[in-house]
Amino acid sequence: MLSIGQVVYCKAGRDKGHPFFITGIEGEYVFICDGKRRSLIRPKKKKIKHIQPTKTVDENIRERLEGNLYLKDSDLRTALAKLTGSII
């Protein structure tokens, strides 16, 4: 089950192997952002079969996205760095 604020990895495309947050779900597609390659203004629309979901969900990011609260790209980068242990 996918949810907003969940960390996923791309299985296909030029973003293959990179971590992203799910910022929206629409049918068989998800919108993903990482704050650098894909900003909140231009999320990537990706088919669900082309992503590898993890069990990690950042509650702070999820609450901000669902509540339409203020969120910056740097917040996404910082949260991904903490959760995945890699520098974005």
C-alpha atoms as a PDB file:
ATOM      1  CA  MET A   1       0.000   0.000   0.000  1.00  0.00           C
ATOM      2  CA  LEU A   2       1.431   3.333  -1.038  1.00  0.00           C
ATOM      3  CA  SER A   3       0.967   6.547   0.923  1.00  0.00           C
ATOM      4  CA  ILE A   4       1.968  10.167   0.662  1.00  0.00           C
ATOM      5  CA  GLY A   5       5.303  10.833   2.365  1.00  0.00           C
ATOM      6  CA  GLN A   6       6.583   7.312   1.696  1.00  0.00           C
ATOM      7  CA  VAL A   7      10.142   6.822   0.461  1.00  0.00           C
ATOM      8  CA  VAL A   8      10.419   4.971  -2.856  1.00  0.00           C
ATOM      9  CA  TYR A   9      13.242   4.097  -5.231  1.00  0.00           C
ATOM     10  CA  CYS A  10      12.911   4.301  -9.010  1.00  0.00           C
ATOM     11  CA  LYS A  11      13.311   1.004 -10.858  1.00  0.00           C
ATOM     12  CA  ALA A  12      13.334   2.470 -14.362  1.00  0.00           C
ATOM     13  CA  GLY A  13      14.285   5.579 -16.254  1.00  0.00           C
ATOM     14  CA  ARG A  14      17.068   8.081 -15.759  1.00  0.00           C
ATOM     15  CA  ASP A  15      16.200   8.302 -12.044  1.00  0.00           C
ATOM     16  CA  LYS A  16      16.849   4.571 -11.531  1.00  0.00           C
ATOM     17  CA  GLY A  17      18.133   3.814  -8.028  1.00  0.00           C
ATOM     18  CA  HIS A  18      17.450   7.279  -6.600  1.00  0.00           C
ATOM     19  CA  PRO A  19      15.229   7.828  -3.534  1.00  0.00           C
ATOM     20  CA  PHE A  20      12.125  10.021  -3.723  1.00  0.00           C
ATOM     21  CA  PHE A  21       9.088  10.925  -1.628  1.00  0.00           C
ATOM     22  CA  ILE A  22       5.590  10.222  -2.900  1.00  0.00           C
ATOM     23  CA  THR A  23       3.820  13.584  -3.026  1.00  0.00           C
ATOM     24  CA  GLY A  24       0.622  12.472  -4.730  1.00  0.00           C
ATOM     25  CA  ILE A  25      -1.259   9.387  -5.908  1.00  0.00           C
ATOM     26  CA  GLU A  26      -3.548   9.317  -8.927  1.00  0.00           C
ATOM     27  CA  GLY A  27      -4.848   5.958 -10.136  1.00  0.00           C
ATOM     28  CA  GLU A  28      -1.937   3.853 -11.411  1.00  0.00           C
ATOM     29  CA  TYR A  29       0.453   6.812 -11.180  1.00  0.00           C
ATOM     30  CA  VAL A  30       2.334   8.479  -8.342  1.00  0.00           C
ATOM     31  CA  PHE A  31       3.977  11.886  -8.221  1.00  0.00           C
ATOM     32  CA  ILE A  32       7.491  11.843  -6.768  1.00  0.00           C
ATOM     33  CA  CYS A  33       9.890  14.565  -5.624  1.00  0.00           C
ATOM     34  CA  ASP A  34      13.315  14.645  -4.007  1.00  0.00           C
ATOM     35  CA  GLY A  35      13.916  18.388  -3.764  1.00  0.00           C
ATOM     36  CA  LYS A  36      16.829  18.414  -6.198  1.00  0.00           C
ATOM     37  CA  ARG A  37      16.268  16.463  -9.413  1.00  0.00           C
ATOM     38  CA  ARG A  38      12.523  16.901  -9.024  1.00  0.00           C
ATOM     39  CA  SER A  39      11.187  19.864  -7.072  1.00  0.00           C
ATOM     40  CA  LEU A  40       7.781  20.272  -5.477  1.00  0.00           C
ATOM     41  CA  ILE A  41       6.797  22.593  -8.298  1.00  0.00           C
ATOM     42  CA  ARG A  42       7.584  19.958 -10.967  1.00  0.00           C
ATOM     43  CA  PRO A  43       6.930  16.475  -9.553  1.00  0.00           C
ATOM     44  CA  LYS A  44       7.662  13.445 -11.716  1.00  0.00           C
ATOM     45  CA  LYS A  45       4.627  11.391 -12.752  1.00  0.00           C
ATOM     46  CA  LYS A  46       5.636   7.741 -12.641  1.00  0.00           C
ATOM     47  CA  LYS A  47       3.766   4.461 -13.015  1.00  0.00           C
ATOM     48  CA  ILE A  48       3.525   2.427  -9.821  1.00  0.00           C
ATOM     49  CA  LYS A  49       5.158  -0.573 -11.503  1.00  0.00           C
ATOM     50  CA  HIS A  50       8.305   1.518 -12.066  1.00  0.00           C
ATOM     51  CA  ILE A  51       8.950   2.279  -8.383  1.00  0.00           C
ATOM     52  CA  GLN A  52      10.185   0.167  -5.478  1.00  0.00           C
ATOM     53  CA  PRO A  53       8.338   1.170  -2.290  1.00  0.00           C
ATOM     54  CA  THR A  54       9.948   1.006   1.134  1.00  0.00           C
ATOM     55  CA  LYS A  55       8.300   0.767   4.530  1.00  0.00           C
ATOM     56  CA  THR A  56       9.661   4.183   5.488  1.00  0.00           C
ATOM     57  CA  VAL A  57       7.175   7.037   5.801  1.00  0.00           C
ATOM     58  CA  ASP A  58       8.192  10.464   7.097  1.00  0.00           C
ATOM     59  CA  GLU A  59       5.212  11.611   9.168  1.00  0.00           C
ATOM     60  CA  ASN A  60       6.297  15.262   9.177  1.00  0.00           C
ATOM     61  CA  ILE A  61       6.483  15.370   5.379  1.00  0.00           C
ATOM     62  CA  ARG A  62       3.197  13.463   5.062  1.00  0.00           C
ATOM     63  CA  GLU A  63       1.332  15.846   7.379  1.00  0.00           C
ATOM     64  CA  ARG A  64       2.684  18.902   5.570  1.00  0.00           C
ATOM     65  CA  LEU A  65       1.771  17.536   2.123  1.00  0.00           C
ATOM     66  CA  GLU A  66      -1.717  16.405   3.119  1.00  0.00           C
ATOM     67  CA  GLY A  67      -2.454  19.613   5.017  1.00  0.00           C
ATOM     68  CA  ASN A  68      -1.103  21.867   2.236  1.00  0.00           C
ATOM     69  CA  LEU A  69       1.265  23.407   4.779  1.00  0.00           C
ATOM     70  CA  TYR A  70       4.484  25.218   3.924  1.00  0.00           C
ATOM     71  CA  LEU A  71       7.145  22.825   2.640  1.00  0.00           C
ATOM     72  CA  LYS A  72      10.423  23.597   0.866  1.00  0.00           C
ATOM     73  CA  ASP A  73      12.582  21.462  -1.394  1.00  0.00           C
ATOM     74  CA  SER A  74      15.344  21.669   1.210  1.00  0.00           C
ATOM     75  CA  ASP A  75      12.998  19.996   3.716  1.00  0.00           C
ATOM     76  CA  LEU A  76      12.654  17.042   1.324  1.00  0.00           C
ATOM     77  CA  ARG A  77      16.418  16.827   0.765  1.00  0.00           C
ATOM     78  CA  THR A  78      17.146  16.919   4.498  1.00  0.00           C
ATOM     79  CA  ALA A  79      14.524  14.277   5.318  1.00  0.00           C
ATOM     80  CA  LEU A  80      15.726  11.953   2.539  1.00  0.00           C
ATOM     81  CA  ALA A  81      19.329  12.317   3.696  1.00  0.00           C
ATOM     82  CA  LYS A  82      18.330  11.329   7.250  1.00  0.00           C
ATOM     83  CA  LEU A  83      16.127   8.420   6.183  1.00  0.00           C
ATOM     84  CA  THR A  84      18.347   6.911   3.480  1.00  0.00           C
ATOM     85  CA  GLY A  85      21.773   7.861   4.822  1.00  0.00           C
ATOM     86  CA  SER A  86      22.791   9.336   1.474  1.00  0.00           C
ATOM     87  CA  ILE A  87      23.462  12.896   0.450  1.00  0.00           C
ATOM     88  CA  ILE A  88      21.073  14.180  -2.189  1.00  0.00           C
END
